[in-house]
Amino acid sequence: MIEFTFWDILRNLLLAARWTVLLSLAAFVGGALVGLVVLFLRIAKTKWTRRIASGYIALFQGTPLLMQLFLMFFGLPMLGLRIEPWTAAALGLTFFASAYLAEIWRSGVDALPRGQWDAGASLGLHYLQELRLIILPQAFSITRAPTVGFLVQLIKSTALTSIIGFEELVRTSNAINNATFEPFTVYGLVALIFFVMCFPLTQYARALEQRAAAH
C-alpha cells in the first residue's frame, strides 16, 4: 500500500477533474453545433429530412451511452481508424449530447405559436431568416433551463469514459483507491467534486425555470 496524505489524494483528484471539465465543455459545444444541424433537419419542411433527424435522435437516445462509447473506441479501429480514448470520449459524448439538445430545442420551436412564423412571412423574410431572427432566439430562450439541466447530466456522464481508458476523475480515483485502499476518502471526495461542479448549474437551471414561470 502506498502512503498518500489527504492532500495528496485531493490534489490528484482536482488535477483529474480538469479533464472532466474539459471533456464536458468539448462535448457540450460539439453537441450544440451538431444538435443545431439536427434541429434544422428535424423542423425542415421536407418529410425525408425530418425522418433522418428523428432516426438520428431515436438512435442516440434509445441506446446506452456506454455502448456508443464502446463502438467509438473498439469499433472504429476495426474500420481502419485508429482512435485515442480522448477522441473516442469526445465524439461519443458529442453525438449523445447532440441528440438530446436537438430534441430540447425542437420542443422550444414547437411551443411557439404559428403566428410567429406568419409574422416573419408578412415581413418578407425567407425561411432561414425567420429561423435566425424570430424562431430560434425565442426557442433558445424558452429552453435555457432544460439545456442547462442537460449540461449537468452530461458532466455526470463523463464518468462512463473511464471504461474506455480516458483519464478523467473517476478513472484517476480508481487508481488512487487501488493504491491507498481508502475508498470512503477517495470516492467521497469524487462525489464532493462532482457536487461542486453540478450544484451551481442545477441551481441556475432552477432559477431559470422560476423566472420563466413568473413571466
C-alpha atoms as a PDB file:
ATOM      1  CA  MET A   1       0.000   0.000   0.000  1.00  0.00           C
ATOM      2  CA  ILE A   2       1.325   3.425  -0.978  1.00  0.00           C
ATOM      3  CA  GLU A   3       1.118   6.186   1.596  1.00  0.00           C
ATOM      4  CA  PHE A   4      -0.952   9.124   0.374  1.00  0.00           C
ATOM      5  CA  THR A   5      -1.883  12.045   2.564  1.00  0.00           C
ATOM      6  CA  PHE A   6      -5.355  13.520   2.331  1.00  0.00           C
ATOM      7  CA  TRP A   7      -3.950  16.494   0.433  1.00  0.00           C
ATOM      8  CA  ASP A   8      -2.112  14.207  -1.996  1.00  0.00           C
ATOM      9  CA  ILE A   9      -5.388  12.473  -2.794  1.00  0.00           C
ATOM     10  CA  LEU A  10      -7.298  15.741  -3.119  1.00  0.00           C
ATOM     11  CA  ARG A  11      -4.631  17.334  -5.323  1.00  0.00           C
ATOM     12  CA  ASN A  12      -4.549  14.406  -7.736  1.00  0.00           C
ATOM     13  CA  LEU A  13      -8.323  14.294  -7.946  1.00  0.00           C
ATOM     14  CA  LEU A  14      -8.535  18.021  -8.654  1.00  0.00           C
ATOM     15  CA  LEU A  15      -5.949  17.663 -11.400  1.00  0.00           C
ATOM     16  CA  ALA A  16      -8.012  14.861 -12.933  1.00  0.00           C
ATOM     17  CA  ALA A  17     -11.166  16.956 -12.598  1.00  0.00           C
ATOM     18  CA  ARG A  18      -9.681  19.383 -15.131  1.00  0.00           C
ATOM     19  CA  TRP A  19     -10.068  16.707 -17.796  1.00  0.00           C
ATOM     20  CA  THR A  20     -13.645  16.042 -16.722  1.00  0.00           C
ATOM     21  CA  VAL A  21     -14.452  19.740 -17.114  1.00  0.00           C
ATOM     22  CA  LEU A  22     -12.627  19.974 -20.448  1.00  0.00           C
ATOM     23  CA  LEU A  23     -14.385  16.895 -21.826  1.00  0.00           C
ATOM     24  CA  SER A  24     -17.764  18.210 -20.660  1.00  0.00           C
ATOM     25  CA  LEU A  25     -17.194  21.559 -22.364  1.00  0.00           C
ATOM     26  CA  ALA A  26     -15.927  19.959 -25.586  1.00  0.00           C
ATOM     27  CA  ALA A  27     -18.901  17.588 -25.716  1.00  0.00           C
ATOM     28  CA  PHE A  28     -21.398  20.344 -24.926  1.00  0.00           C
ATOM     29  CA  VAL A  29     -20.037  22.739 -27.550  1.00  0.00           C
ATOM     30  CA  GLY A  30     -19.688  19.961 -30.133  1.00  0.00           C
ATOM     31  CA  GLY A  31     -23.112  18.615 -29.242  1.00  0.00           C
ATOM     32  CA  ALA A  32     -24.627  22.073 -29.608  1.00  0.00           C
ATOM     33  CA  LEU A  33     -23.146  22.516 -33.086  1.00  0.00           C
ATOM     34  CA  VAL A  34     -24.202  19.067 -34.302  1.00  0.00           C
ATOM     35  CA  GLY A  35     -27.521  19.406 -32.482  1.00  0.00           C
ATOM     36  CA  LEU A  36     -28.237  22.629 -34.318  1.00  0.00           C
ATOM     37  CA  VAL A  37     -27.822  20.838 -37.647  1.00  0.00           C
ATOM     38  CA  VAL A  38     -30.079  18.010 -36.443  1.00  0.00           C
ATOM     39  CA  LEU A  39     -32.619  20.593 -35.289  1.00  0.00           C
ATOM     40  CA  PHE A  40     -32.700  22.189 -38.748  1.00  0.00           C
ATOM     41  CA  LEU A  41     -33.346  18.770 -40.271  1.00  0.00           C
ATOM     42  CA  ARG A  42     -35.927  17.939 -37.602  1.00  0.00           C
ATOM     43  CA  ILE A  43     -38.063  21.013 -38.326  1.00  0.00           C
ATOM     44  CA  ALA A  44     -37.455  21.146 -42.081  1.00  0.00           C
ATOM     45  CA  LYS A  45     -40.356  21.247 -44.492  1.00  0.00           C
ATOM     46  CA  THR A  46     -39.353  18.077 -46.347  1.00  0.00           C
ATOM     47  CA  LYS A  47     -40.503  14.806 -44.848  1.00  0.00           C
ATOM     48  CA  TRP A  48     -37.330  12.793 -45.561  1.00  0.00           C
ATOM     49  CA  THR A  49     -35.086  15.234 -43.684  1.00  0.00           C
ATOM     50  CA  ARG A  50     -37.401  15.092 -40.686  1.00  0.00           C
ATOM     51  CA  ARG A  51     -37.265  11.295 -40.781  1.00  0.00           C
ATOM     52  CA  ILE A  52     -33.459  11.288 -40.898  1.00  0.00           C
ATOM     53  CA  ALA A  53     -33.302  13.620 -37.909  1.00  0.00           C
ATOM     54  CA  SER A  54     -35.907  11.600 -35.999  1.00  0.00           C
ATOM     55  CA  GLY A  55     -33.948   8.398 -36.679  1.00  0.00           C
ATOM     56  CA  TYR A  56     -30.714  10.009 -35.507  1.00  0.00           C
ATOM     57  CA  ILE A  57     -32.328  11.212 -32.281  1.00  0.00           C
ATOM     58  CA  ALA A  58     -34.017   7.851 -31.663  1.00  0.00           C
ATOM     59  CA  LEU A  59     -30.708   6.018 -32.203  1.00  0.00           C
ATOM     60  CA  PHE A  60     -28.699   8.013 -29.682  1.00  0.00           C
ATOM     61  CA  GLN A  61     -31.491   8.384 -27.160  1.00  0.00           C
ATOM     62  CA  GLY A  62     -32.546   4.762 -27.415  1.00  0.00           C
ATOM     63  CA  THR A  63     -29.151   3.105 -26.887  1.00  0.00           C
ATOM     64  CA  PRO A  64     -26.921   3.172 -23.785  1.00  0.00           C
ATOM     65  CA  LEU A  65     -24.170   5.785 -23.822  1.00  0.00           C
ATOM     66  CA  LEU A  66     -21.691   3.121 -22.744  1.00  0.00           C
ATOM     67  CA  MET A  67     -22.434   1.100 -25.882  1.00  0.00           C
ATOM     68  CA  GLN A  68     -21.923   4.210 -28.011  1.00  0.00           C
ATOM     69  CA  LEU A  69     -18.537   4.785 -26.381  1.00  0.00           C
ATOM     70  CA  PHE A  70     -17.579   1.134 -26.959  1.00  0.00           C
ATOM     71  CA  LEU A  71     -18.490   1.421 -30.631  1.00  0.00           C
ATOM     72  CA  MET A  72     -16.361   4.557 -30.955  1.00  0.00           C
ATOM     73  CA  PHE A  73     -13.345   3.146 -29.160  1.00  0.00           C
ATOM     74  CA  PHE A  74     -13.411  -0.507 -30.215  1.00  0.00           C
ATOM     75  CA  GLY A  75     -15.443  -0.364 -33.422  1.00  0.00           C
ATOM     76  CA  LEU A  76     -13.721   2.400 -35.387  1.00  0.00           C
ATOM     77  CA  PRO A  77     -10.249   0.752 -35.226  1.00  0.00           C
ATOM     78  CA  MET A  78     -11.776  -2.306 -36.913  1.00  0.00           C
ATOM     79  CA  LEU A  79     -12.626   0.006 -39.828  1.00  0.00           C
ATOM     80  CA  GLY A  80      -9.012   1.138 -40.023  1.00  0.00           C
ATOM     81  CA  LEU A  81      -9.467   4.302 -37.957  1.00  0.00           C
ATOM     82  CA  ARG A  82      -7.061   4.488 -35.036  1.00  0.00           C
ATOM     83  CA  ILE A  83      -8.635   6.458 -32.217  1.00  0.00           C
ATOM     84  CA  GLU A  84      -7.392   7.589 -28.819  1.00  0.00           C
ATOM     85  CA  PRO A  85      -9.514   7.477 -25.636  1.00  0.00           C
ATOM     86  CA  TRP A  86      -9.848  11.283 -25.602  1.00  0.00           C
ATOM     87  CA  THR A  87     -11.132  11.371 -29.188  1.00  0.00           C
ATOM     88  CA  ALA A  88     -13.498   8.452 -28.635  1.00  0.00           C
ATOM     89  CA  ALA A  89     -14.843  10.026 -25.451  1.00  0.00           C
ATOM     90  CA  ALA A  90     -15.318  13.444 -27.054  1.00  0.00           C
ATOM     91  CA  LEU A  91     -17.020  12.024 -30.154  1.00  0.00           C
ATOM     92  CA  GLY A  92     -19.257   9.673 -28.199  1.00  0.00           C
ATOM     93  CA  LEU A  93     -20.442  12.386 -25.820  1.00  0.00           C
ATOM     94  CA  THR A  94     -20.814  14.894 -28.666  1.00  0.00           C
ATOM     95  CA  PHE A  95     -23.206  12.667 -30.606  1.00  0.00           C
ATOM     96  CA  PHE A  96     -25.020  11.752 -27.394  1.00  0.00           C
ATOM     97  CA  ALA A  97     -25.414  15.429 -26.465  1.00  0.00           C
ATOM     98  CA  SER A  98     -26.465  16.492 -29.960  1.00  0.00           C
ATOM     99  CA  ALA A  99     -29.463  14.152 -29.970  1.00  0.00           C
ATOM    100  CA  TYR A 100     -30.761  15.443 -26.643  1.00  0.00           C
ATOM    101  CA  LEU A 101     -30.056  19.109 -27.344  1.00  0.00           C
ATOM    102  CA  ALA A 102     -31.767  18.925 -30.740  1.00  0.00           C
ATOM    103  CA  GLU A 103     -34.876  17.479 -29.139  1.00  0.00           C
ATOM    104  CA  ILE A 104     -34.837  20.002 -26.290  1.00  0.00           C
ATOM    105  CA  TRP A 105     -34.616  22.882 -28.746  1.00  0.00           C
ATOM    106  CA  ARG A 106     -37.244  21.352 -31.039  1.00  0.00           C
ATOM    107  CA  SER A 107     -39.681  21.422 -28.130  1.00  0.00           C
ATOM    108  CA  GLY A 108     -38.985  25.144 -27.844  1.00  0.00           C
ATOM    109  CA  VAL A 109     -39.702  25.652 -31.530  1.00  0.00           C
ATOM    110  CA  ASP A 110     -42.939  23.657 -31.266  1.00  0.00           C
ATOM    111  CA  ALA A 111     -44.002  25.723 -28.244  1.00  0.00           C
ATOM    112  CA  LEU A 112     -44.101  28.897 -30.311  1.00  0.00           C
ATOM    113  CA  PRO A 113     -47.469  29.854 -31.803  1.00  0.00           C
ATOM    114  CA  ARG A 114     -47.858  29.594 -35.556  1.00  0.00           C
ATOM    115  CA  GLY A 115     -48.347  33.341 -35.637  1.00  0.00           C
ATOM    116  CA  GLN A 116     -44.602  33.845 -35.108  1.00  0.00           C
ATOM    117  CA  TRP A 117     -43.917  32.179 -38.447  1.00  0.00           C
ATOM    118  CA  ASP A 118     -46.722  34.118 -40.105  1.00  0.00           C
ATOM    119  CA  ALA A 119     -45.349  37.385 -38.740  1.00  0.00           C
ATOM    120  CA  GLY A 120     -41.967  36.654 -40.279  1.00  0.00           C
ATOM    121  CA  ALA A 121     -43.540  35.787 -43.611  1.00  0.00           C
ATOM    122  CA  SER A 122     -45.572  39.000 -43.565  1.00  0.00           C
ATOM    123  CA  LEU A 123     -42.315  40.943 -43.189  1.00  0.00           C
ATOM    124  CA  GLY A 124     -40.955  39.298 -46.328  1.00  0.00           C
ATOM    125  CA  LEU A 125     -38.443  37.100 -44.520  1.00  0.00           C
ATOM    126  CA  HIS A 126     -37.474  33.794 -46.087  1.00  0.00           C
ATOM    127  CA  TYR A 127     -37.349  30.548 -44.096  1.00  0.00           C
ATOM    128  CA  LEU A 128     -33.777  30.827 -42.816  1.00  0.00           C
ATOM    129  CA  GLN A 129     -34.247  34.458 -41.848  1.00  0.00           C
ATOM    130  CA  GLU A 130     -37.376  33.544 -39.923  1.00  0.00           C
ATOM    131  CA  LEU A 131     -35.406  30.908 -38.046  1.00  0.00           C
ATOM    132  CA  ARG A 132     -32.424  33.140 -37.320  1.00  0.00           C
ATOM    133  CA  LEU A 133     -34.269  36.324 -36.401  1.00  0.00           C
ATOM    134  CA  ILE A 134     -37.557  35.167 -34.881  1.00  0.00           C
ATOM    135  CA  ILE A 135     -37.929  31.461 -34.139  1.00  0.00           C
ATOM    136  CA  LEU A 136     -34.584  30.259 -32.779  1.00  0.00           C
ATOM    137  CA  PRO A 137     -33.935  33.182 -30.382  1.00  0.00           C
ATOM    138  CA  GLN A 138     -37.325  32.586 -28.760  1.00  0.00           C
ATOM    139  CA  ALA A 139     -36.914  28.795 -28.760  1.00  0.00           C
ATOM    140  CA  PHE A 140     -33.490  29.038 -27.119  1.00  0.00           C
ATOM    141  CA  SER A 141     -34.882  31.442 -24.525  1.00  0.00           C
ATOM    142  CA  ILE A 142     -37.700  29.038 -23.676  1.00  0.00           C
ATOM    143  CA  THR A 143     -35.358  26.053 -23.366  1.00  0.00           C
ATOM    144  CA  ARG A 144     -32.470  27.617 -21.434  1.00  0.00           C
ATOM    145  CA  ALA A 145     -33.387  25.817 -18.215  1.00  0.00           C
ATOM    146  CA  PRO A 146     -33.569  22.281 -19.705  1.00  0.00           C
ATOM    147  CA  THR A 147     -30.393  22.996 -21.700  1.00  0.00           C
ATOM    148  CA  VAL A 148     -28.501  23.852 -18.509  1.00  0.00           C
ATOM    149  CA  GLY A 149     -30.102  20.849 -16.829  1.00  0.00           C
ATOM    150  CA  PHE A 150     -28.798  18.611 -19.601  1.00  0.00           C
ATOM    151  CA  LEU A 151     -25.298  20.017 -19.101  1.00  0.00           C
ATOM    152  CA  VAL A 152     -25.450  18.680 -15.543  1.00  0.00           C
ATOM    153  CA  GLN A 153     -26.354  15.240 -16.908  1.00  0.00           C
ATOM    154  CA  LEU A 154     -23.509  15.477 -19.413  1.00  0.00           C
ATOM    155  CA  ILE A 155     -20.941  16.266 -16.711  1.00  0.00           C
ATOM    156  CA  LYS A 156     -22.021  13.204 -14.743  1.00  0.00           C
ATOM    157  CA  SER A 157     -21.993  11.074 -17.901  1.00  0.00           C
ATOM    158  CA  THR A 158     -18.268  11.721 -18.366  1.00  0.00           C
ATOM    159  CA  ALA A 159     -17.709   9.132 -15.625  1.00  0.00           C
ATOM    160  CA  LEU A 160     -18.519   6.401 -18.187  1.00  0.00           C
ATOM    161  CA  THR A 161     -15.497   7.352 -20.295  1.00  0.00           C
ATOM    162  CA  SER A 162     -13.248   5.805 -17.643  1.00  0.00           C
ATOM    163  CA  ILE A 163     -14.315   2.412 -19.053  1.00  0.00           C
ATOM    164  CA  ILE A 164     -12.526   3.128 -22.362  1.00  0.00           C
ATOM    165  CA  GLY A 165      -9.357   4.360 -20.649  1.00  0.00           C
ATOM    166  CA  PHE A 166      -9.854   8.119 -20.597  1.00  0.00           C
ATOM    167  CA  GLU A 167      -8.010   9.551 -17.589  1.00  0.00           C
ATOM    168  CA  GLU A 168     -10.765  11.640 -16.073  1.00  0.00           C
ATOM    169  CA  LEU A 169     -11.899  11.964 -12.476  1.00  0.00           C
ATOM    170  CA  VAL A 170     -13.389   8.509 -11.949  1.00  0.00           C
ATOM    171  CA  ARG A 171     -10.555   6.561 -13.594  1.00  0.00           C
ATOM    172  CA  THR A 172      -7.998   8.513 -11.566  1.00  0.00           C
ATOM    173  CA  SER A 173      -9.972   7.864  -8.385  1.00  0.00           C
ATOM    174  CA  ASN A 174      -9.958   4.116  -9.106  1.00  0.00           C
ATOM    175  CA  ALA A 175      -6.180   4.173  -9.494  1.00  0.00           C
ATOM    176  CA  ILE A 176      -5.745   6.122  -6.258  1.00  0.00           C
ATOM    177  CA  ASN A 177      -8.103   3.813  -4.392  1.00  0.00           C
ATOM    178  CA  ASN A 178      -6.207   0.752  -5.637  1.00  0.00           C
ATOM    179  CA  ALA A 179      -3.016   2.309  -4.253  1.00  0.00           C
ATOM    180  CA  THR A 180      -4.366   3.581  -0.941  1.00  0.00           C
ATOM    181  CA  PHE A 181      -7.288   1.271  -0.097  1.00  0.00           C
ATOM    182  CA  GLU A 182      -9.216   4.267   1.245  1.00  0.00           C
ATOM    183  CA  PRO A 183     -12.491   4.091  -0.689  1.00  0.00           C
ATOM    184  CA  PHE A 184     -14.508   6.311   1.640  1.00  0.00           C
ATOM    185  CA  THR A 185     -11.971   9.116   1.385  1.00  0.00           C
ATOM    186  CA  VAL A 186     -11.316   8.767  -2.335  1.00  0.00           C
ATOM    187  CA  TYR A 187     -14.862   8.265  -3.589  1.00  0.00           C
ATOM    188  CA  GLY A 188     -16.252  10.676  -1.023  1.00  0.00           C
ATOM    189  CA  LEU A 189     -14.010  13.381  -2.487  1.00  0.00           C
ATOM    190  CA  VAL A 190     -15.039  12.386  -6.018  1.00  0.00           C
ATOM    191  CA  ALA A 191     -18.699  12.765  -5.067  1.00  0.00           C
ATOM    192  CA  LEU A 192     -17.932  16.139  -3.489  1.00  0.00           C
ATOM    193  CA  ILE A 193     -16.090  17.370  -6.595  1.00  0.00           C
ATOM    194  CA  PHE A 194     -18.971  16.326  -8.862  1.00  0.00           C
ATOM    195  CA  PHE A 195     -21.378  18.045  -6.477  1.00  0.00           C
ATOM    196  CA  VAL A 196     -19.360  21.277  -6.575  1.00  0.00           C
ATOM    197  CA  MET A 197     -19.381  21.181 -10.381  1.00  0.00           C
ATOM    198  CA  CYS A 198     -23.064  20.317 -10.784  1.00  0.00           C
ATOM    199  CA  PHE A 199     -24.879  22.023  -7.909  1.00  0.00           C
ATOM    200  CA  PRO A 200     -24.396  25.628  -9.122  1.00  0.00           C
ATOM    201  CA  LEU A 201     -25.663  24.615 -12.571  1.00  0.00           C
ATOM    202  CA  THR A 202     -28.661  22.871 -11.012  1.00  0.00           C
ATOM    203  CA  GLN A 203     -29.486  25.985  -9.025  1.00  0.00           C
ATOM    204  CA  TYR A 204     -29.074  28.140 -12.124  1.00  0.00           C
ATOM    205  CA  ALA A 205     -31.441  25.884 -14.097  1.00  0.00           C
ATOM    206  CA  ARG A 206     -33.965  26.121 -11.265  1.00  0.00           C
ATOM    207  CA  ALA A 207     -33.687  29.912 -11.227  1.00  0.00           C
ATOM    208  CA  LEU A 208     -34.272  29.986 -14.987  1.00  0.00           C
ATOM    209  CA  GLU A 209     -37.378  27.835 -14.579  1.00  0.00           C
ATOM    210  CA  GLN A 210     -38.745  30.121 -11.870  1.00  0.00           C
ATOM    211  CA  ARG A 211     -38.014  33.192 -13.984  1.00  0.00           C
ATOM    212  CA  ALA A 212     -39.796  31.651 -16.956  1.00  0.00           C
ATOM    213  CA  ALA A 213     -42.784  30.705 -14.799  1.00  0.00           C
ATOM    214  CA  ALA A 214     -43.003  34.250 -13.444  1.00  0.00           C
ATOM    215  CA  HIS A 215     -43.313  35.587 -16.963  1.00  0.00           C
END
